[in-house]
Amino acid sequence: MTSTMARKAETTESGMRELTRAELQVMQILWDKKEAMTRQVLEAMPEPKPAFNTVSTVIRVLETKGFVSHKAFGTTYVYFPVVQRGEYTSRFMRNMVQNFFGGSRSAFISFFAEQEQMTAEERDELHRLMKKVEARKTGM
């Protein structure tokens, strides 16, 4: 696969690039902390911790992709998310539904129900949420 094809494969239909597992781990920390220096991101990671330079590289890649920016305080950088968690999650899930379920949200939900991965409690909660959404749409 060429590097152009690899880059294209990482991009969702909305134009937002998908995150690698390492990038997502760093973003989860930044979303939780709101801002952090590289060392603080590293400290928040579970054992076994990657090398400082690895975390630094992942953060720079995230900055290049437009997910993170920084404020400079002398030679110290404090990084913060530019893309919010909800925005990324929404675009990622839309892309997943499109790619794996032909854009059908009901097929997506049915997948979990049919795989018996949803408990009765979860199905009841989903039903309650669907009623709530329908009530909002109809103005009730």
N, C-alpha and C. Protein backbone atom coordinates (compact mmCIF):
# COMPACT_ATOMS: atom_id res chain seq x y z
N MET A 1 0.85 -1.17 0.00
CA MET A 1 0.00 0.00 0.00
C MET A 1 0.89 1.23 0.00
N THR A 2 0.61 2.16 -0.87
CA THR A 2 1.41 3.38 -0.93
C THR A 2 1.07 4.27 0.25
N SER A 3 1.98 5.22 0.54
CA SER A 3 1.72 6.11 1.68
C SER A 3 0.49 6.97 1.43
N THR A 4 0.22 7.33 0.17
CA THR A 4 -0.98 8.11 -0.14
C THR A 4 -2.22 7.28 0.15
N MET A 5 -2.20 6.01 -0.23
CA MET A 5 -3.33 5.13 0.05
C MET A 5 -3.51 4.95 1.54
N ALA A 6 -2.42 4.81 2.28
CA ALA A 6 -2.50 4.64 3.73
C ALA A 6 -3.11 5.88 4.36
N ARG A 7 -2.69 7.07 3.93
CA ARG A 7 -3.25 8.30 4.47
C ARG A 7 -4.74 8.40 4.16
N LYS A 8 -5.10 8.02 2.93
CA LYS A 8 -6.50 8.08 2.54
C LYS A 8 -7.33 7.10 3.37
N ALA A 9 -6.79 5.94 3.66
CA ALA A 9 -7.50 4.95 4.46
C ALA A 9 -7.74 5.43 5.89
N GLU A 10 -6.88 6.32 6.37
CA GLU A 10 -7.02 6.83 7.73
C GLU A 10 -8.05 7.94 7.84
N THR A 11 -8.54 8.43 6.71
CA THR A 11 -9.43 9.59 6.72
C THR A 11 -10.88 9.13 6.66
N THR A 12 -11.70 9.66 7.55
CA THR A 12 -13.13 9.34 7.53
C THR A 12 -13.77 10.10 6.39
N GLU A 13 -15.00 9.74 6.07
CA GLU A 13 -15.70 10.42 4.98
C GLU A 13 -15.87 11.91 5.25
N SER A 14 -15.93 12.29 6.52
CA SER A 14 -16.10 13.71 6.87
C SER A 14 -14.78 14.46 6.77
N GLY A 15 -13.69 13.76 6.43
CA GLY A 15 -12.41 14.42 6.29
C GLY A 15 -11.54 14.35 7.53
N MET A 16 -12.09 13.90 8.63
CA MET A 16 -11.30 13.79 9.86
C MET A 16 -10.52 12.48 9.83
N ARG A 17 -9.26 12.56 10.14
CA ARG A 17 -8.44 11.36 10.13
C ARG A 17 -8.72 10.51 11.35
N GLU A 18 -8.70 9.20 11.17
CA GLU A 18 -8.90 8.29 12.29
C GLU A 18 -7.62 8.18 13.09
N LEU A 19 -7.76 7.91 14.36
CA LEU A 19 -6.62 7.81 15.25
C LEU A 19 -6.13 6.39 15.38
N THR A 20 -4.82 6.23 15.51
CA THR A 20 -4.25 4.93 15.82
C THR A 20 -4.53 4.65 17.30
N ARG A 21 -4.27 3.44 17.74
CA ARG A 21 -4.49 3.08 19.14
C ARG A 21 -3.65 3.96 20.07
N ALA A 22 -2.39 4.20 19.73
CA ALA A 22 -1.52 5.04 20.56
C ALA A 22 -2.01 6.48 20.57
N GLU A 23 -2.44 6.99 19.42
CA GLU A 23 -2.96 8.36 19.34
C GLU A 23 -4.24 8.50 20.17
N LEU A 24 -5.10 7.50 20.09
CA LEU A 24 -6.34 7.54 20.86
C LEU A 24 -6.05 7.52 22.36
N GLN A 25 -5.07 6.74 22.76
CA GLN A 25 -4.71 6.69 24.18
C GLN A 25 -4.25 8.06 24.67
N VAL A 26 -3.43 8.74 23.89
CA VAL A 26 -2.97 10.09 24.25
C VAL A 26 -4.14 11.07 24.25
N MET A 27 -5.01 10.97 23.25
CA MET A 27 -6.16 11.88 23.19
C MET A 27 -7.08 11.67 24.39
N GLN A 28 -7.29 10.42 24.80
CA GLN A 28 -8.14 10.16 25.98
C GLN A 28 -7.58 10.89 27.20
N ILE A 29 -6.28 10.86 27.35
CA ILE A 29 -5.64 11.55 28.48
C ILE A 29 -5.82 13.06 28.35
N LEU A 30 -5.57 13.60 27.16
CA LEU A 30 -5.73 15.04 26.97
C LEU A 30 -7.19 15.47 27.13
N TRP A 31 -8.13 14.67 26.66
CA TRP A 31 -9.53 15.01 26.85
C TRP A 31 -9.88 15.04 28.34
N ASP A 32 -9.34 14.08 29.08
CA ASP A 32 -9.63 14.03 30.53
C ASP A 32 -8.97 15.17 31.28
N LYS A 33 -7.72 15.46 30.94
CA LYS A 33 -6.95 16.47 31.67
C LYS A 33 -7.19 17.89 31.17
N LYS A 34 -7.73 18.03 29.96
CA LYS A 34 -7.96 19.33 29.29
C LYS A 34 -6.66 19.90 28.71
N GLU A 35 -5.55 19.77 29.41
CA GLU A 35 -4.24 20.17 28.89
C GLU A 35 -3.17 19.47 29.71
N ALA A 36 -2.01 19.24 29.09
CA ALA A 36 -0.94 18.54 29.79
C ALA A 36 0.37 18.68 29.03
N MET A 37 1.45 18.61 29.78
CA MET A 37 2.78 18.51 29.18
C MET A 37 3.02 17.04 28.84
N THR A 38 4.01 16.80 28.00
CA THR A 38 4.31 15.42 27.59
C THR A 38 4.54 14.53 28.79
N ARG A 39 5.29 15.00 29.76
CA ARG A 39 5.59 14.19 30.95
C ARG A 39 4.30 13.84 31.71
N GLN A 40 3.35 14.76 31.77
CA GLN A 40 2.08 14.48 32.45
C GLN A 40 1.26 13.44 31.69
N VAL A 41 1.31 13.50 30.37
CA VAL A 41 0.64 12.48 29.56
C VAL A 41 1.26 11.13 29.85
N LEU A 42 2.58 11.07 29.86
CA LEU A 42 3.31 9.82 30.13
C LEU A 42 2.94 9.27 31.51
N GLU A 43 2.90 10.14 32.51
CA GLU A 43 2.58 9.71 33.87
C GLU A 43 1.17 9.13 33.97
N ALA A 44 0.26 9.61 33.15
CA ALA A 44 -1.12 9.14 33.18
C ALA A 44 -1.32 7.81 32.45
N MET A 45 -0.30 7.35 31.74
CA MET A 45 -0.41 6.11 30.98
C MET A 45 -0.21 4.90 31.90
N PRO A 46 -0.88 3.80 31.56
CA PRO A 46 -0.71 2.57 32.36
C PRO A 46 0.64 1.92 32.11
N GLU A 47 1.02 1.06 33.02
CA GLU A 47 2.25 0.28 32.86
C GLU A 47 1.99 -0.81 31.82
N PRO A 48 2.95 -1.22 31.06
CA PRO A 48 4.28 -0.64 30.94
C PRO A 48 4.22 0.65 30.13
N LYS A 49 4.83 1.69 30.65
CA LYS A 49 4.80 3.00 30.02
C LYS A 49 5.75 3.04 28.82
N PRO A 50 5.35 3.70 27.76
CA PRO A 50 6.26 3.86 26.61
C PRO A 50 7.36 4.86 26.97
N ALA A 51 8.35 4.97 26.10
CA ALA A 51 9.43 5.93 26.31
C ALA A 51 8.89 7.35 26.14
N PHE A 52 9.51 8.29 26.82
CA PHE A 52 9.14 9.71 26.72
C PHE A 52 9.13 10.16 25.27
N ASN A 53 10.18 9.77 24.52
CA ASN A 53 10.27 10.19 23.11
C ASN A 53 9.11 9.63 22.27
N THR A 54 8.64 8.45 22.61
CA THR A 54 7.51 7.85 21.89
C THR A 54 6.26 8.69 22.10
N VAL A 55 6.00 9.07 23.36
CA VAL A 55 4.83 9.90 23.67
C VAL A 55 4.95 11.25 22.97
N SER A 56 6.15 11.82 23.02
CA SER A 56 6.40 13.10 22.37
C SER A 56 6.12 13.03 20.87
N THR A 57 6.55 11.95 20.24
CA THR A 57 6.32 11.76 18.81
C THR A 57 4.83 11.63 18.51
N VAL A 58 4.12 10.85 19.32
CA VAL A 58 2.67 10.69 19.11
C VAL A 58 1.97 12.04 19.23
N ILE A 59 2.35 12.84 20.20
CA ILE A 59 1.74 14.16 20.37
C ILE A 59 2.02 15.04 19.16
N ARG A 60 3.24 15.01 18.65
CA ARG A 60 3.56 15.82 17.46
C ARG A 60 2.76 15.36 16.25
N VAL A 61 2.56 14.06 16.11
CA VAL A 61 1.73 13.54 15.01
C VAL A 61 0.29 14.03 15.17
N LEU A 62 -0.22 13.99 16.40
CA LEU A 62 -1.57 14.49 16.66
C LEU A 62 -1.69 15.96 16.33
N GLU A 63 -0.63 16.71 16.59
CA GLU A 63 -0.63 18.13 16.25
C GLU A 63 -0.66 18.31 14.73
N THR A 64 0.12 17.51 14.02
CA THR A 64 0.15 17.56 12.56
C THR A 64 -1.21 17.21 11.97
N LYS A 65 -1.90 16.25 12.57
CA LYS A 65 -3.22 15.84 12.10
C LYS A 65 -4.30 16.84 12.48
N GLY A 66 -3.98 17.81 13.32
CA GLY A 66 -4.94 18.83 13.70
C GLY A 66 -5.80 18.48 14.90
N PHE A 67 -5.42 17.47 15.66
CA PHE A 67 -6.18 17.07 16.84
C PHE A 67 -5.73 17.81 18.10
N VAL A 68 -4.48 18.26 18.11
CA VAL A 68 -3.87 18.85 19.29
C VAL A 68 -3.16 20.14 18.89
N SER A 69 -3.11 21.08 19.82
CA SER A 69 -2.29 22.27 19.66
C SER A 69 -1.53 22.48 20.96
N HIS A 70 -0.73 23.53 21.01
CA HIS A 70 0.05 23.75 22.24
C HIS A 70 0.19 25.23 22.54
N LYS A 71 0.49 25.47 23.81
CA LYS A 71 0.88 26.79 24.28
C LYS A 71 2.33 26.64 24.73
N ALA A 72 3.16 27.59 24.35
CA ALA A 72 4.57 27.54 24.73
C ALA A 72 4.80 28.45 25.93
N PHE A 73 5.51 27.90 26.91
CA PHE A 73 5.96 28.65 28.08
C PHE A 73 7.47 28.47 28.13
N GLY A 74 8.17 29.36 27.43
CA GLY A 74 9.62 29.18 27.28
C GLY A 74 9.86 27.96 26.40
N THR A 75 10.60 27.01 26.94
CA THR A 75 10.88 25.78 26.18
C THR A 75 9.91 24.66 26.53
N THR A 76 8.93 24.95 27.37
CA THR A 76 7.94 23.95 27.77
C THR A 76 6.66 24.14 26.97
N TYR A 77 6.15 23.03 26.45
CA TYR A 77 4.89 23.07 25.71
C TYR A 77 3.80 22.41 26.56
N VAL A 78 2.65 23.06 26.58
CA VAL A 78 1.47 22.48 27.20
C VAL A 78 0.50 22.19 26.06
N TYR A 79 0.11 20.93 25.92
CA TYR A 79 -0.73 20.50 24.82
C TYR A 79 -2.20 20.44 25.26
N PHE A 80 -3.08 20.72 24.31
CA PHE A 80 -4.51 20.66 24.59
C PHE A 80 -5.24 20.17 23.34
N PRO A 81 -6.37 19.49 23.54
CA PRO A 81 -7.12 18.97 22.38
C PRO A 81 -7.80 20.09 21.61
N VAL A 82 -7.75 20.01 20.30
CA VAL A 82 -8.46 20.93 19.42
C VAL A 82 -9.77 20.28 18.99
N VAL A 83 -9.72 18.99 18.75
CA VAL A 83 -10.92 18.21 18.42
C VAL A 83 -11.46 17.65 19.73
N GLN A 84 -12.72 17.90 19.99
CA GLN A 84 -13.33 17.44 21.23
C GLN A 84 -13.73 15.97 21.13
N ARG A 85 -13.80 15.31 22.27
CA ARG A 85 -14.11 13.89 22.33
C ARG A 85 -15.43 13.57 21.61
N GLY A 86 -16.48 14.32 21.90
CA GLY A 86 -17.78 14.07 21.29
C GLY A 86 -17.76 14.22 19.78
N GLU A 87 -17.03 15.21 19.30
CA GLU A 87 -16.91 15.43 17.85
C GLU A 87 -16.23 14.24 17.18
N TYR A 88 -15.12 13.77 17.77
CA TYR A 88 -14.40 12.63 17.19
C TYR A 88 -15.26 11.37 17.26
N THR A 89 -15.88 11.14 18.41
CA THR A 89 -16.70 9.95 18.59
C THR A 89 -17.84 9.92 17.58
N SER A 90 -18.51 11.04 17.41
CA SER A 90 -19.63 11.12 16.48
C SER A 90 -19.18 10.82 15.05
N ARG A 91 -18.11 11.43 14.63
CA ARG A 91 -17.62 11.20 13.25
C ARG A 91 -17.12 9.77 13.07
N PHE A 92 -16.43 9.24 14.09
CA PHE A 92 -15.91 7.88 14.03
C PHE A 92 -17.06 6.88 13.93
N MET A 93 -18.09 7.07 14.75
CA MET A 93 -19.22 6.14 14.76
C MET A 93 -20.00 6.22 13.44
N ARG A 94 -20.20 7.43 12.92
CA ARG A 94 -20.88 7.56 11.61
C ARG A 94 -20.11 6.80 10.54
N ASN A 95 -18.79 6.93 10.56
CA ASN A 95 -17.95 6.25 9.59
C ASN A 95 -18.04 4.73 9.77
N MET A 96 -18.04 4.27 11.02
CA MET A 96 -18.12 2.84 11.29
C MET A 96 -19.48 2.28 10.81
N VAL A 97 -20.56 2.99 11.10
CA VAL A 97 -21.89 2.55 10.66
C VAL A 97 -21.92 2.49 9.14
N GLN A 98 -21.34 3.48 8.49
CA GLN A 98 -21.31 3.50 7.02
C GLN A 98 -20.49 2.33 6.47
N ASN A 99 -19.31 2.12 7.02
CA ASN A 99 -18.40 1.10 6.49
C ASN A 99 -18.82 -0.33 6.78
N PHE A 100 -19.38 -0.59 7.97
CA PHE A 100 -19.68 -1.96 8.37
C PHE A 100 -21.15 -2.33 8.26
N PHE A 101 -22.03 -1.33 8.24
CA PHE A 101 -23.46 -1.62 8.26
C PHE A 101 -24.21 -0.91 7.14
N GLY A 102 -23.49 -0.50 6.10
CA GLY A 102 -24.11 0.14 4.94
C GLY A 102 -24.88 1.40 5.28
N GLY A 103 -24.48 2.05 6.36
CA GLY A 103 -25.14 3.29 6.76
C GLY A 103 -26.41 3.08 7.57
N SER A 104 -26.76 1.83 7.84
CA SER A 104 -27.99 1.52 8.57
C SER A 104 -27.75 1.50 10.08
N ARG A 105 -28.34 2.47 10.75
CA ARG A 105 -28.22 2.51 12.22
C ARG A 105 -28.94 1.32 12.86
N SER A 106 -30.06 0.92 12.27
CA SER A 106 -30.80 -0.21 12.84
C SER A 106 -29.99 -1.50 12.70
N ALA A 107 -29.27 -1.66 11.59
CA ALA A 107 -28.41 -2.84 11.43
C ALA A 107 -27.29 -2.82 12.46
N PHE A 108 -26.79 -1.64 12.76
CA PHE A 108 -25.74 -1.48 13.78
C PHE A 108 -26.27 -1.93 15.15
N ILE A 109 -27.45 -1.46 15.52
CA ILE A 109 -28.03 -1.81 16.82
C ILE A 109 -28.41 -3.28 16.85
N SER A 110 -28.96 -3.79 15.75
CA SER A 110 -29.34 -5.20 15.67
C SER A 110 -28.14 -6.11 15.84
N PHE A 111 -27.00 -5.69 15.33
CA PHE A 111 -25.78 -6.48 15.45
C PHE A 111 -25.52 -6.82 16.91
N PHE A 112 -25.61 -5.82 17.79
CA PHE A 112 -25.34 -6.06 19.20
C PHE A 112 -26.44 -6.89 19.86
N ALA A 113 -27.68 -6.62 19.51
CA ALA A 113 -28.79 -7.37 20.09
C ALA A 113 -28.73 -8.83 19.66
N GLU A 114 -28.42 -9.09 18.39
CA GLU A 114 -28.39 -10.45 17.88
C GLU A 114 -27.17 -11.23 18.38
N GLN A 115 -26.11 -10.53 18.67
CA GLN A 115 -24.91 -11.19 19.17
C GLN A 115 -25.03 -11.50 20.67
N GLU A 116 -26.19 -11.17 21.25
CA GLU A 116 -26.47 -11.38 22.66
C GLU A 116 -25.47 -10.67 23.56
N GLN A 117 -24.96 -9.56 23.07
CA GLN A 117 -24.03 -8.77 23.87
C GLN A 117 -24.76 -7.70 24.68
N MET A 118 -26.03 -7.52 24.41
CA MET A 118 -26.82 -6.55 25.16
C MET A 118 -27.63 -7.29 26.22
N THR A 119 -27.55 -6.80 27.42
CA THR A 119 -28.36 -7.38 28.49
C THR A 119 -29.78 -6.86 28.36
N ALA A 120 -30.70 -7.47 29.08
CA ALA A 120 -32.09 -7.01 29.08
C ALA A 120 -32.14 -5.57 29.58
N GLU A 121 -31.33 -5.27 30.55
CA GLU A 121 -31.27 -3.92 31.10
C GLU A 121 -30.81 -2.91 30.04
N GLU A 122 -29.81 -3.30 29.26
CA GLU A 122 -29.31 -2.43 28.19
C GLU A 122 -30.37 -2.24 27.10
N ARG A 123 -31.09 -3.31 26.76
CA ARG A 123 -32.16 -3.19 25.76
C ARG A 123 -33.26 -2.26 26.26
N ASP A 124 -33.61 -2.38 27.54
CA ASP A 124 -34.62 -1.49 28.12
C ASP A 124 -34.15 -0.04 28.07
N GLU A 125 -32.89 0.18 28.38
CA GLU A 125 -32.33 1.53 28.35
C GLU A 125 -32.34 2.08 26.92
N LEU A 126 -31.98 1.26 25.96
CA LEU A 126 -32.02 1.67 24.56
C LEU A 126 -33.45 2.02 24.14
N HIS A 127 -34.39 1.20 24.54
CA HIS A 127 -35.79 1.47 24.22
C HIS A 127 -36.24 2.79 24.83
N ARG A 128 -35.86 3.04 26.07
CA ARG A 128 -36.20 4.29 26.75
C ARG A 128 -35.58 5.49 26.02
N LEU A 129 -34.32 5.36 25.61
CA LEU A 129 -33.65 6.44 24.89
C LEU A 129 -34.32 6.71 23.54
N MET A 130 -34.71 5.65 22.85
CA MET A 130 -35.37 5.82 21.55
C MET A 130 -36.70 6.55 21.72
N LYS A 131 -37.44 6.22 22.77
CA LYS A 131 -38.70 6.93 23.04
C LYS A 131 -38.44 8.40 23.33
N LYS A 132 -37.38 8.67 24.07
CA LYS A 132 -37.02 10.05 24.42
C LYS A 132 -36.67 10.85 23.16
N VAL A 133 -35.90 10.24 22.27
CA VAL A 133 -35.52 10.91 21.02
C VAL A 133 -36.75 11.15 20.16
N GLU A 134 -37.62 10.15 20.08
CA GLU A 134 -38.84 10.30 19.28
C GLU A 134 -39.73 11.40 19.83
N ALA A 135 -39.84 11.48 21.16
CA ALA A 135 -40.65 12.53 21.79
C ALA A 135 -40.08 13.91 21.47
N ARG A 136 -38.75 14.03 21.48
CA ARG A 136 -38.12 15.31 21.14
C ARG A 136 -38.39 15.70 19.70
N LYS A 137 -38.35 14.72 18.81
CA LYS A 137 -38.58 14.98 17.38
C LYS A 137 -40.01 15.42 17.10
N THR A 138 -40.96 14.84 17.83
CA THR A 138 -42.36 15.18 17.60
C THR A 138 -42.82 16.35 18.45
N GLY A 139 -41.92 16.86 19.31
CA GLY A 139 -42.24 18.03 20.12
C GLY A 139 -43.11 17.74 21.32
N MET A 140 -43.10 16.52 21.79
CA MET A 140 -43.95 16.16 22.94
C MET A 140 -43.25 16.46 24.24
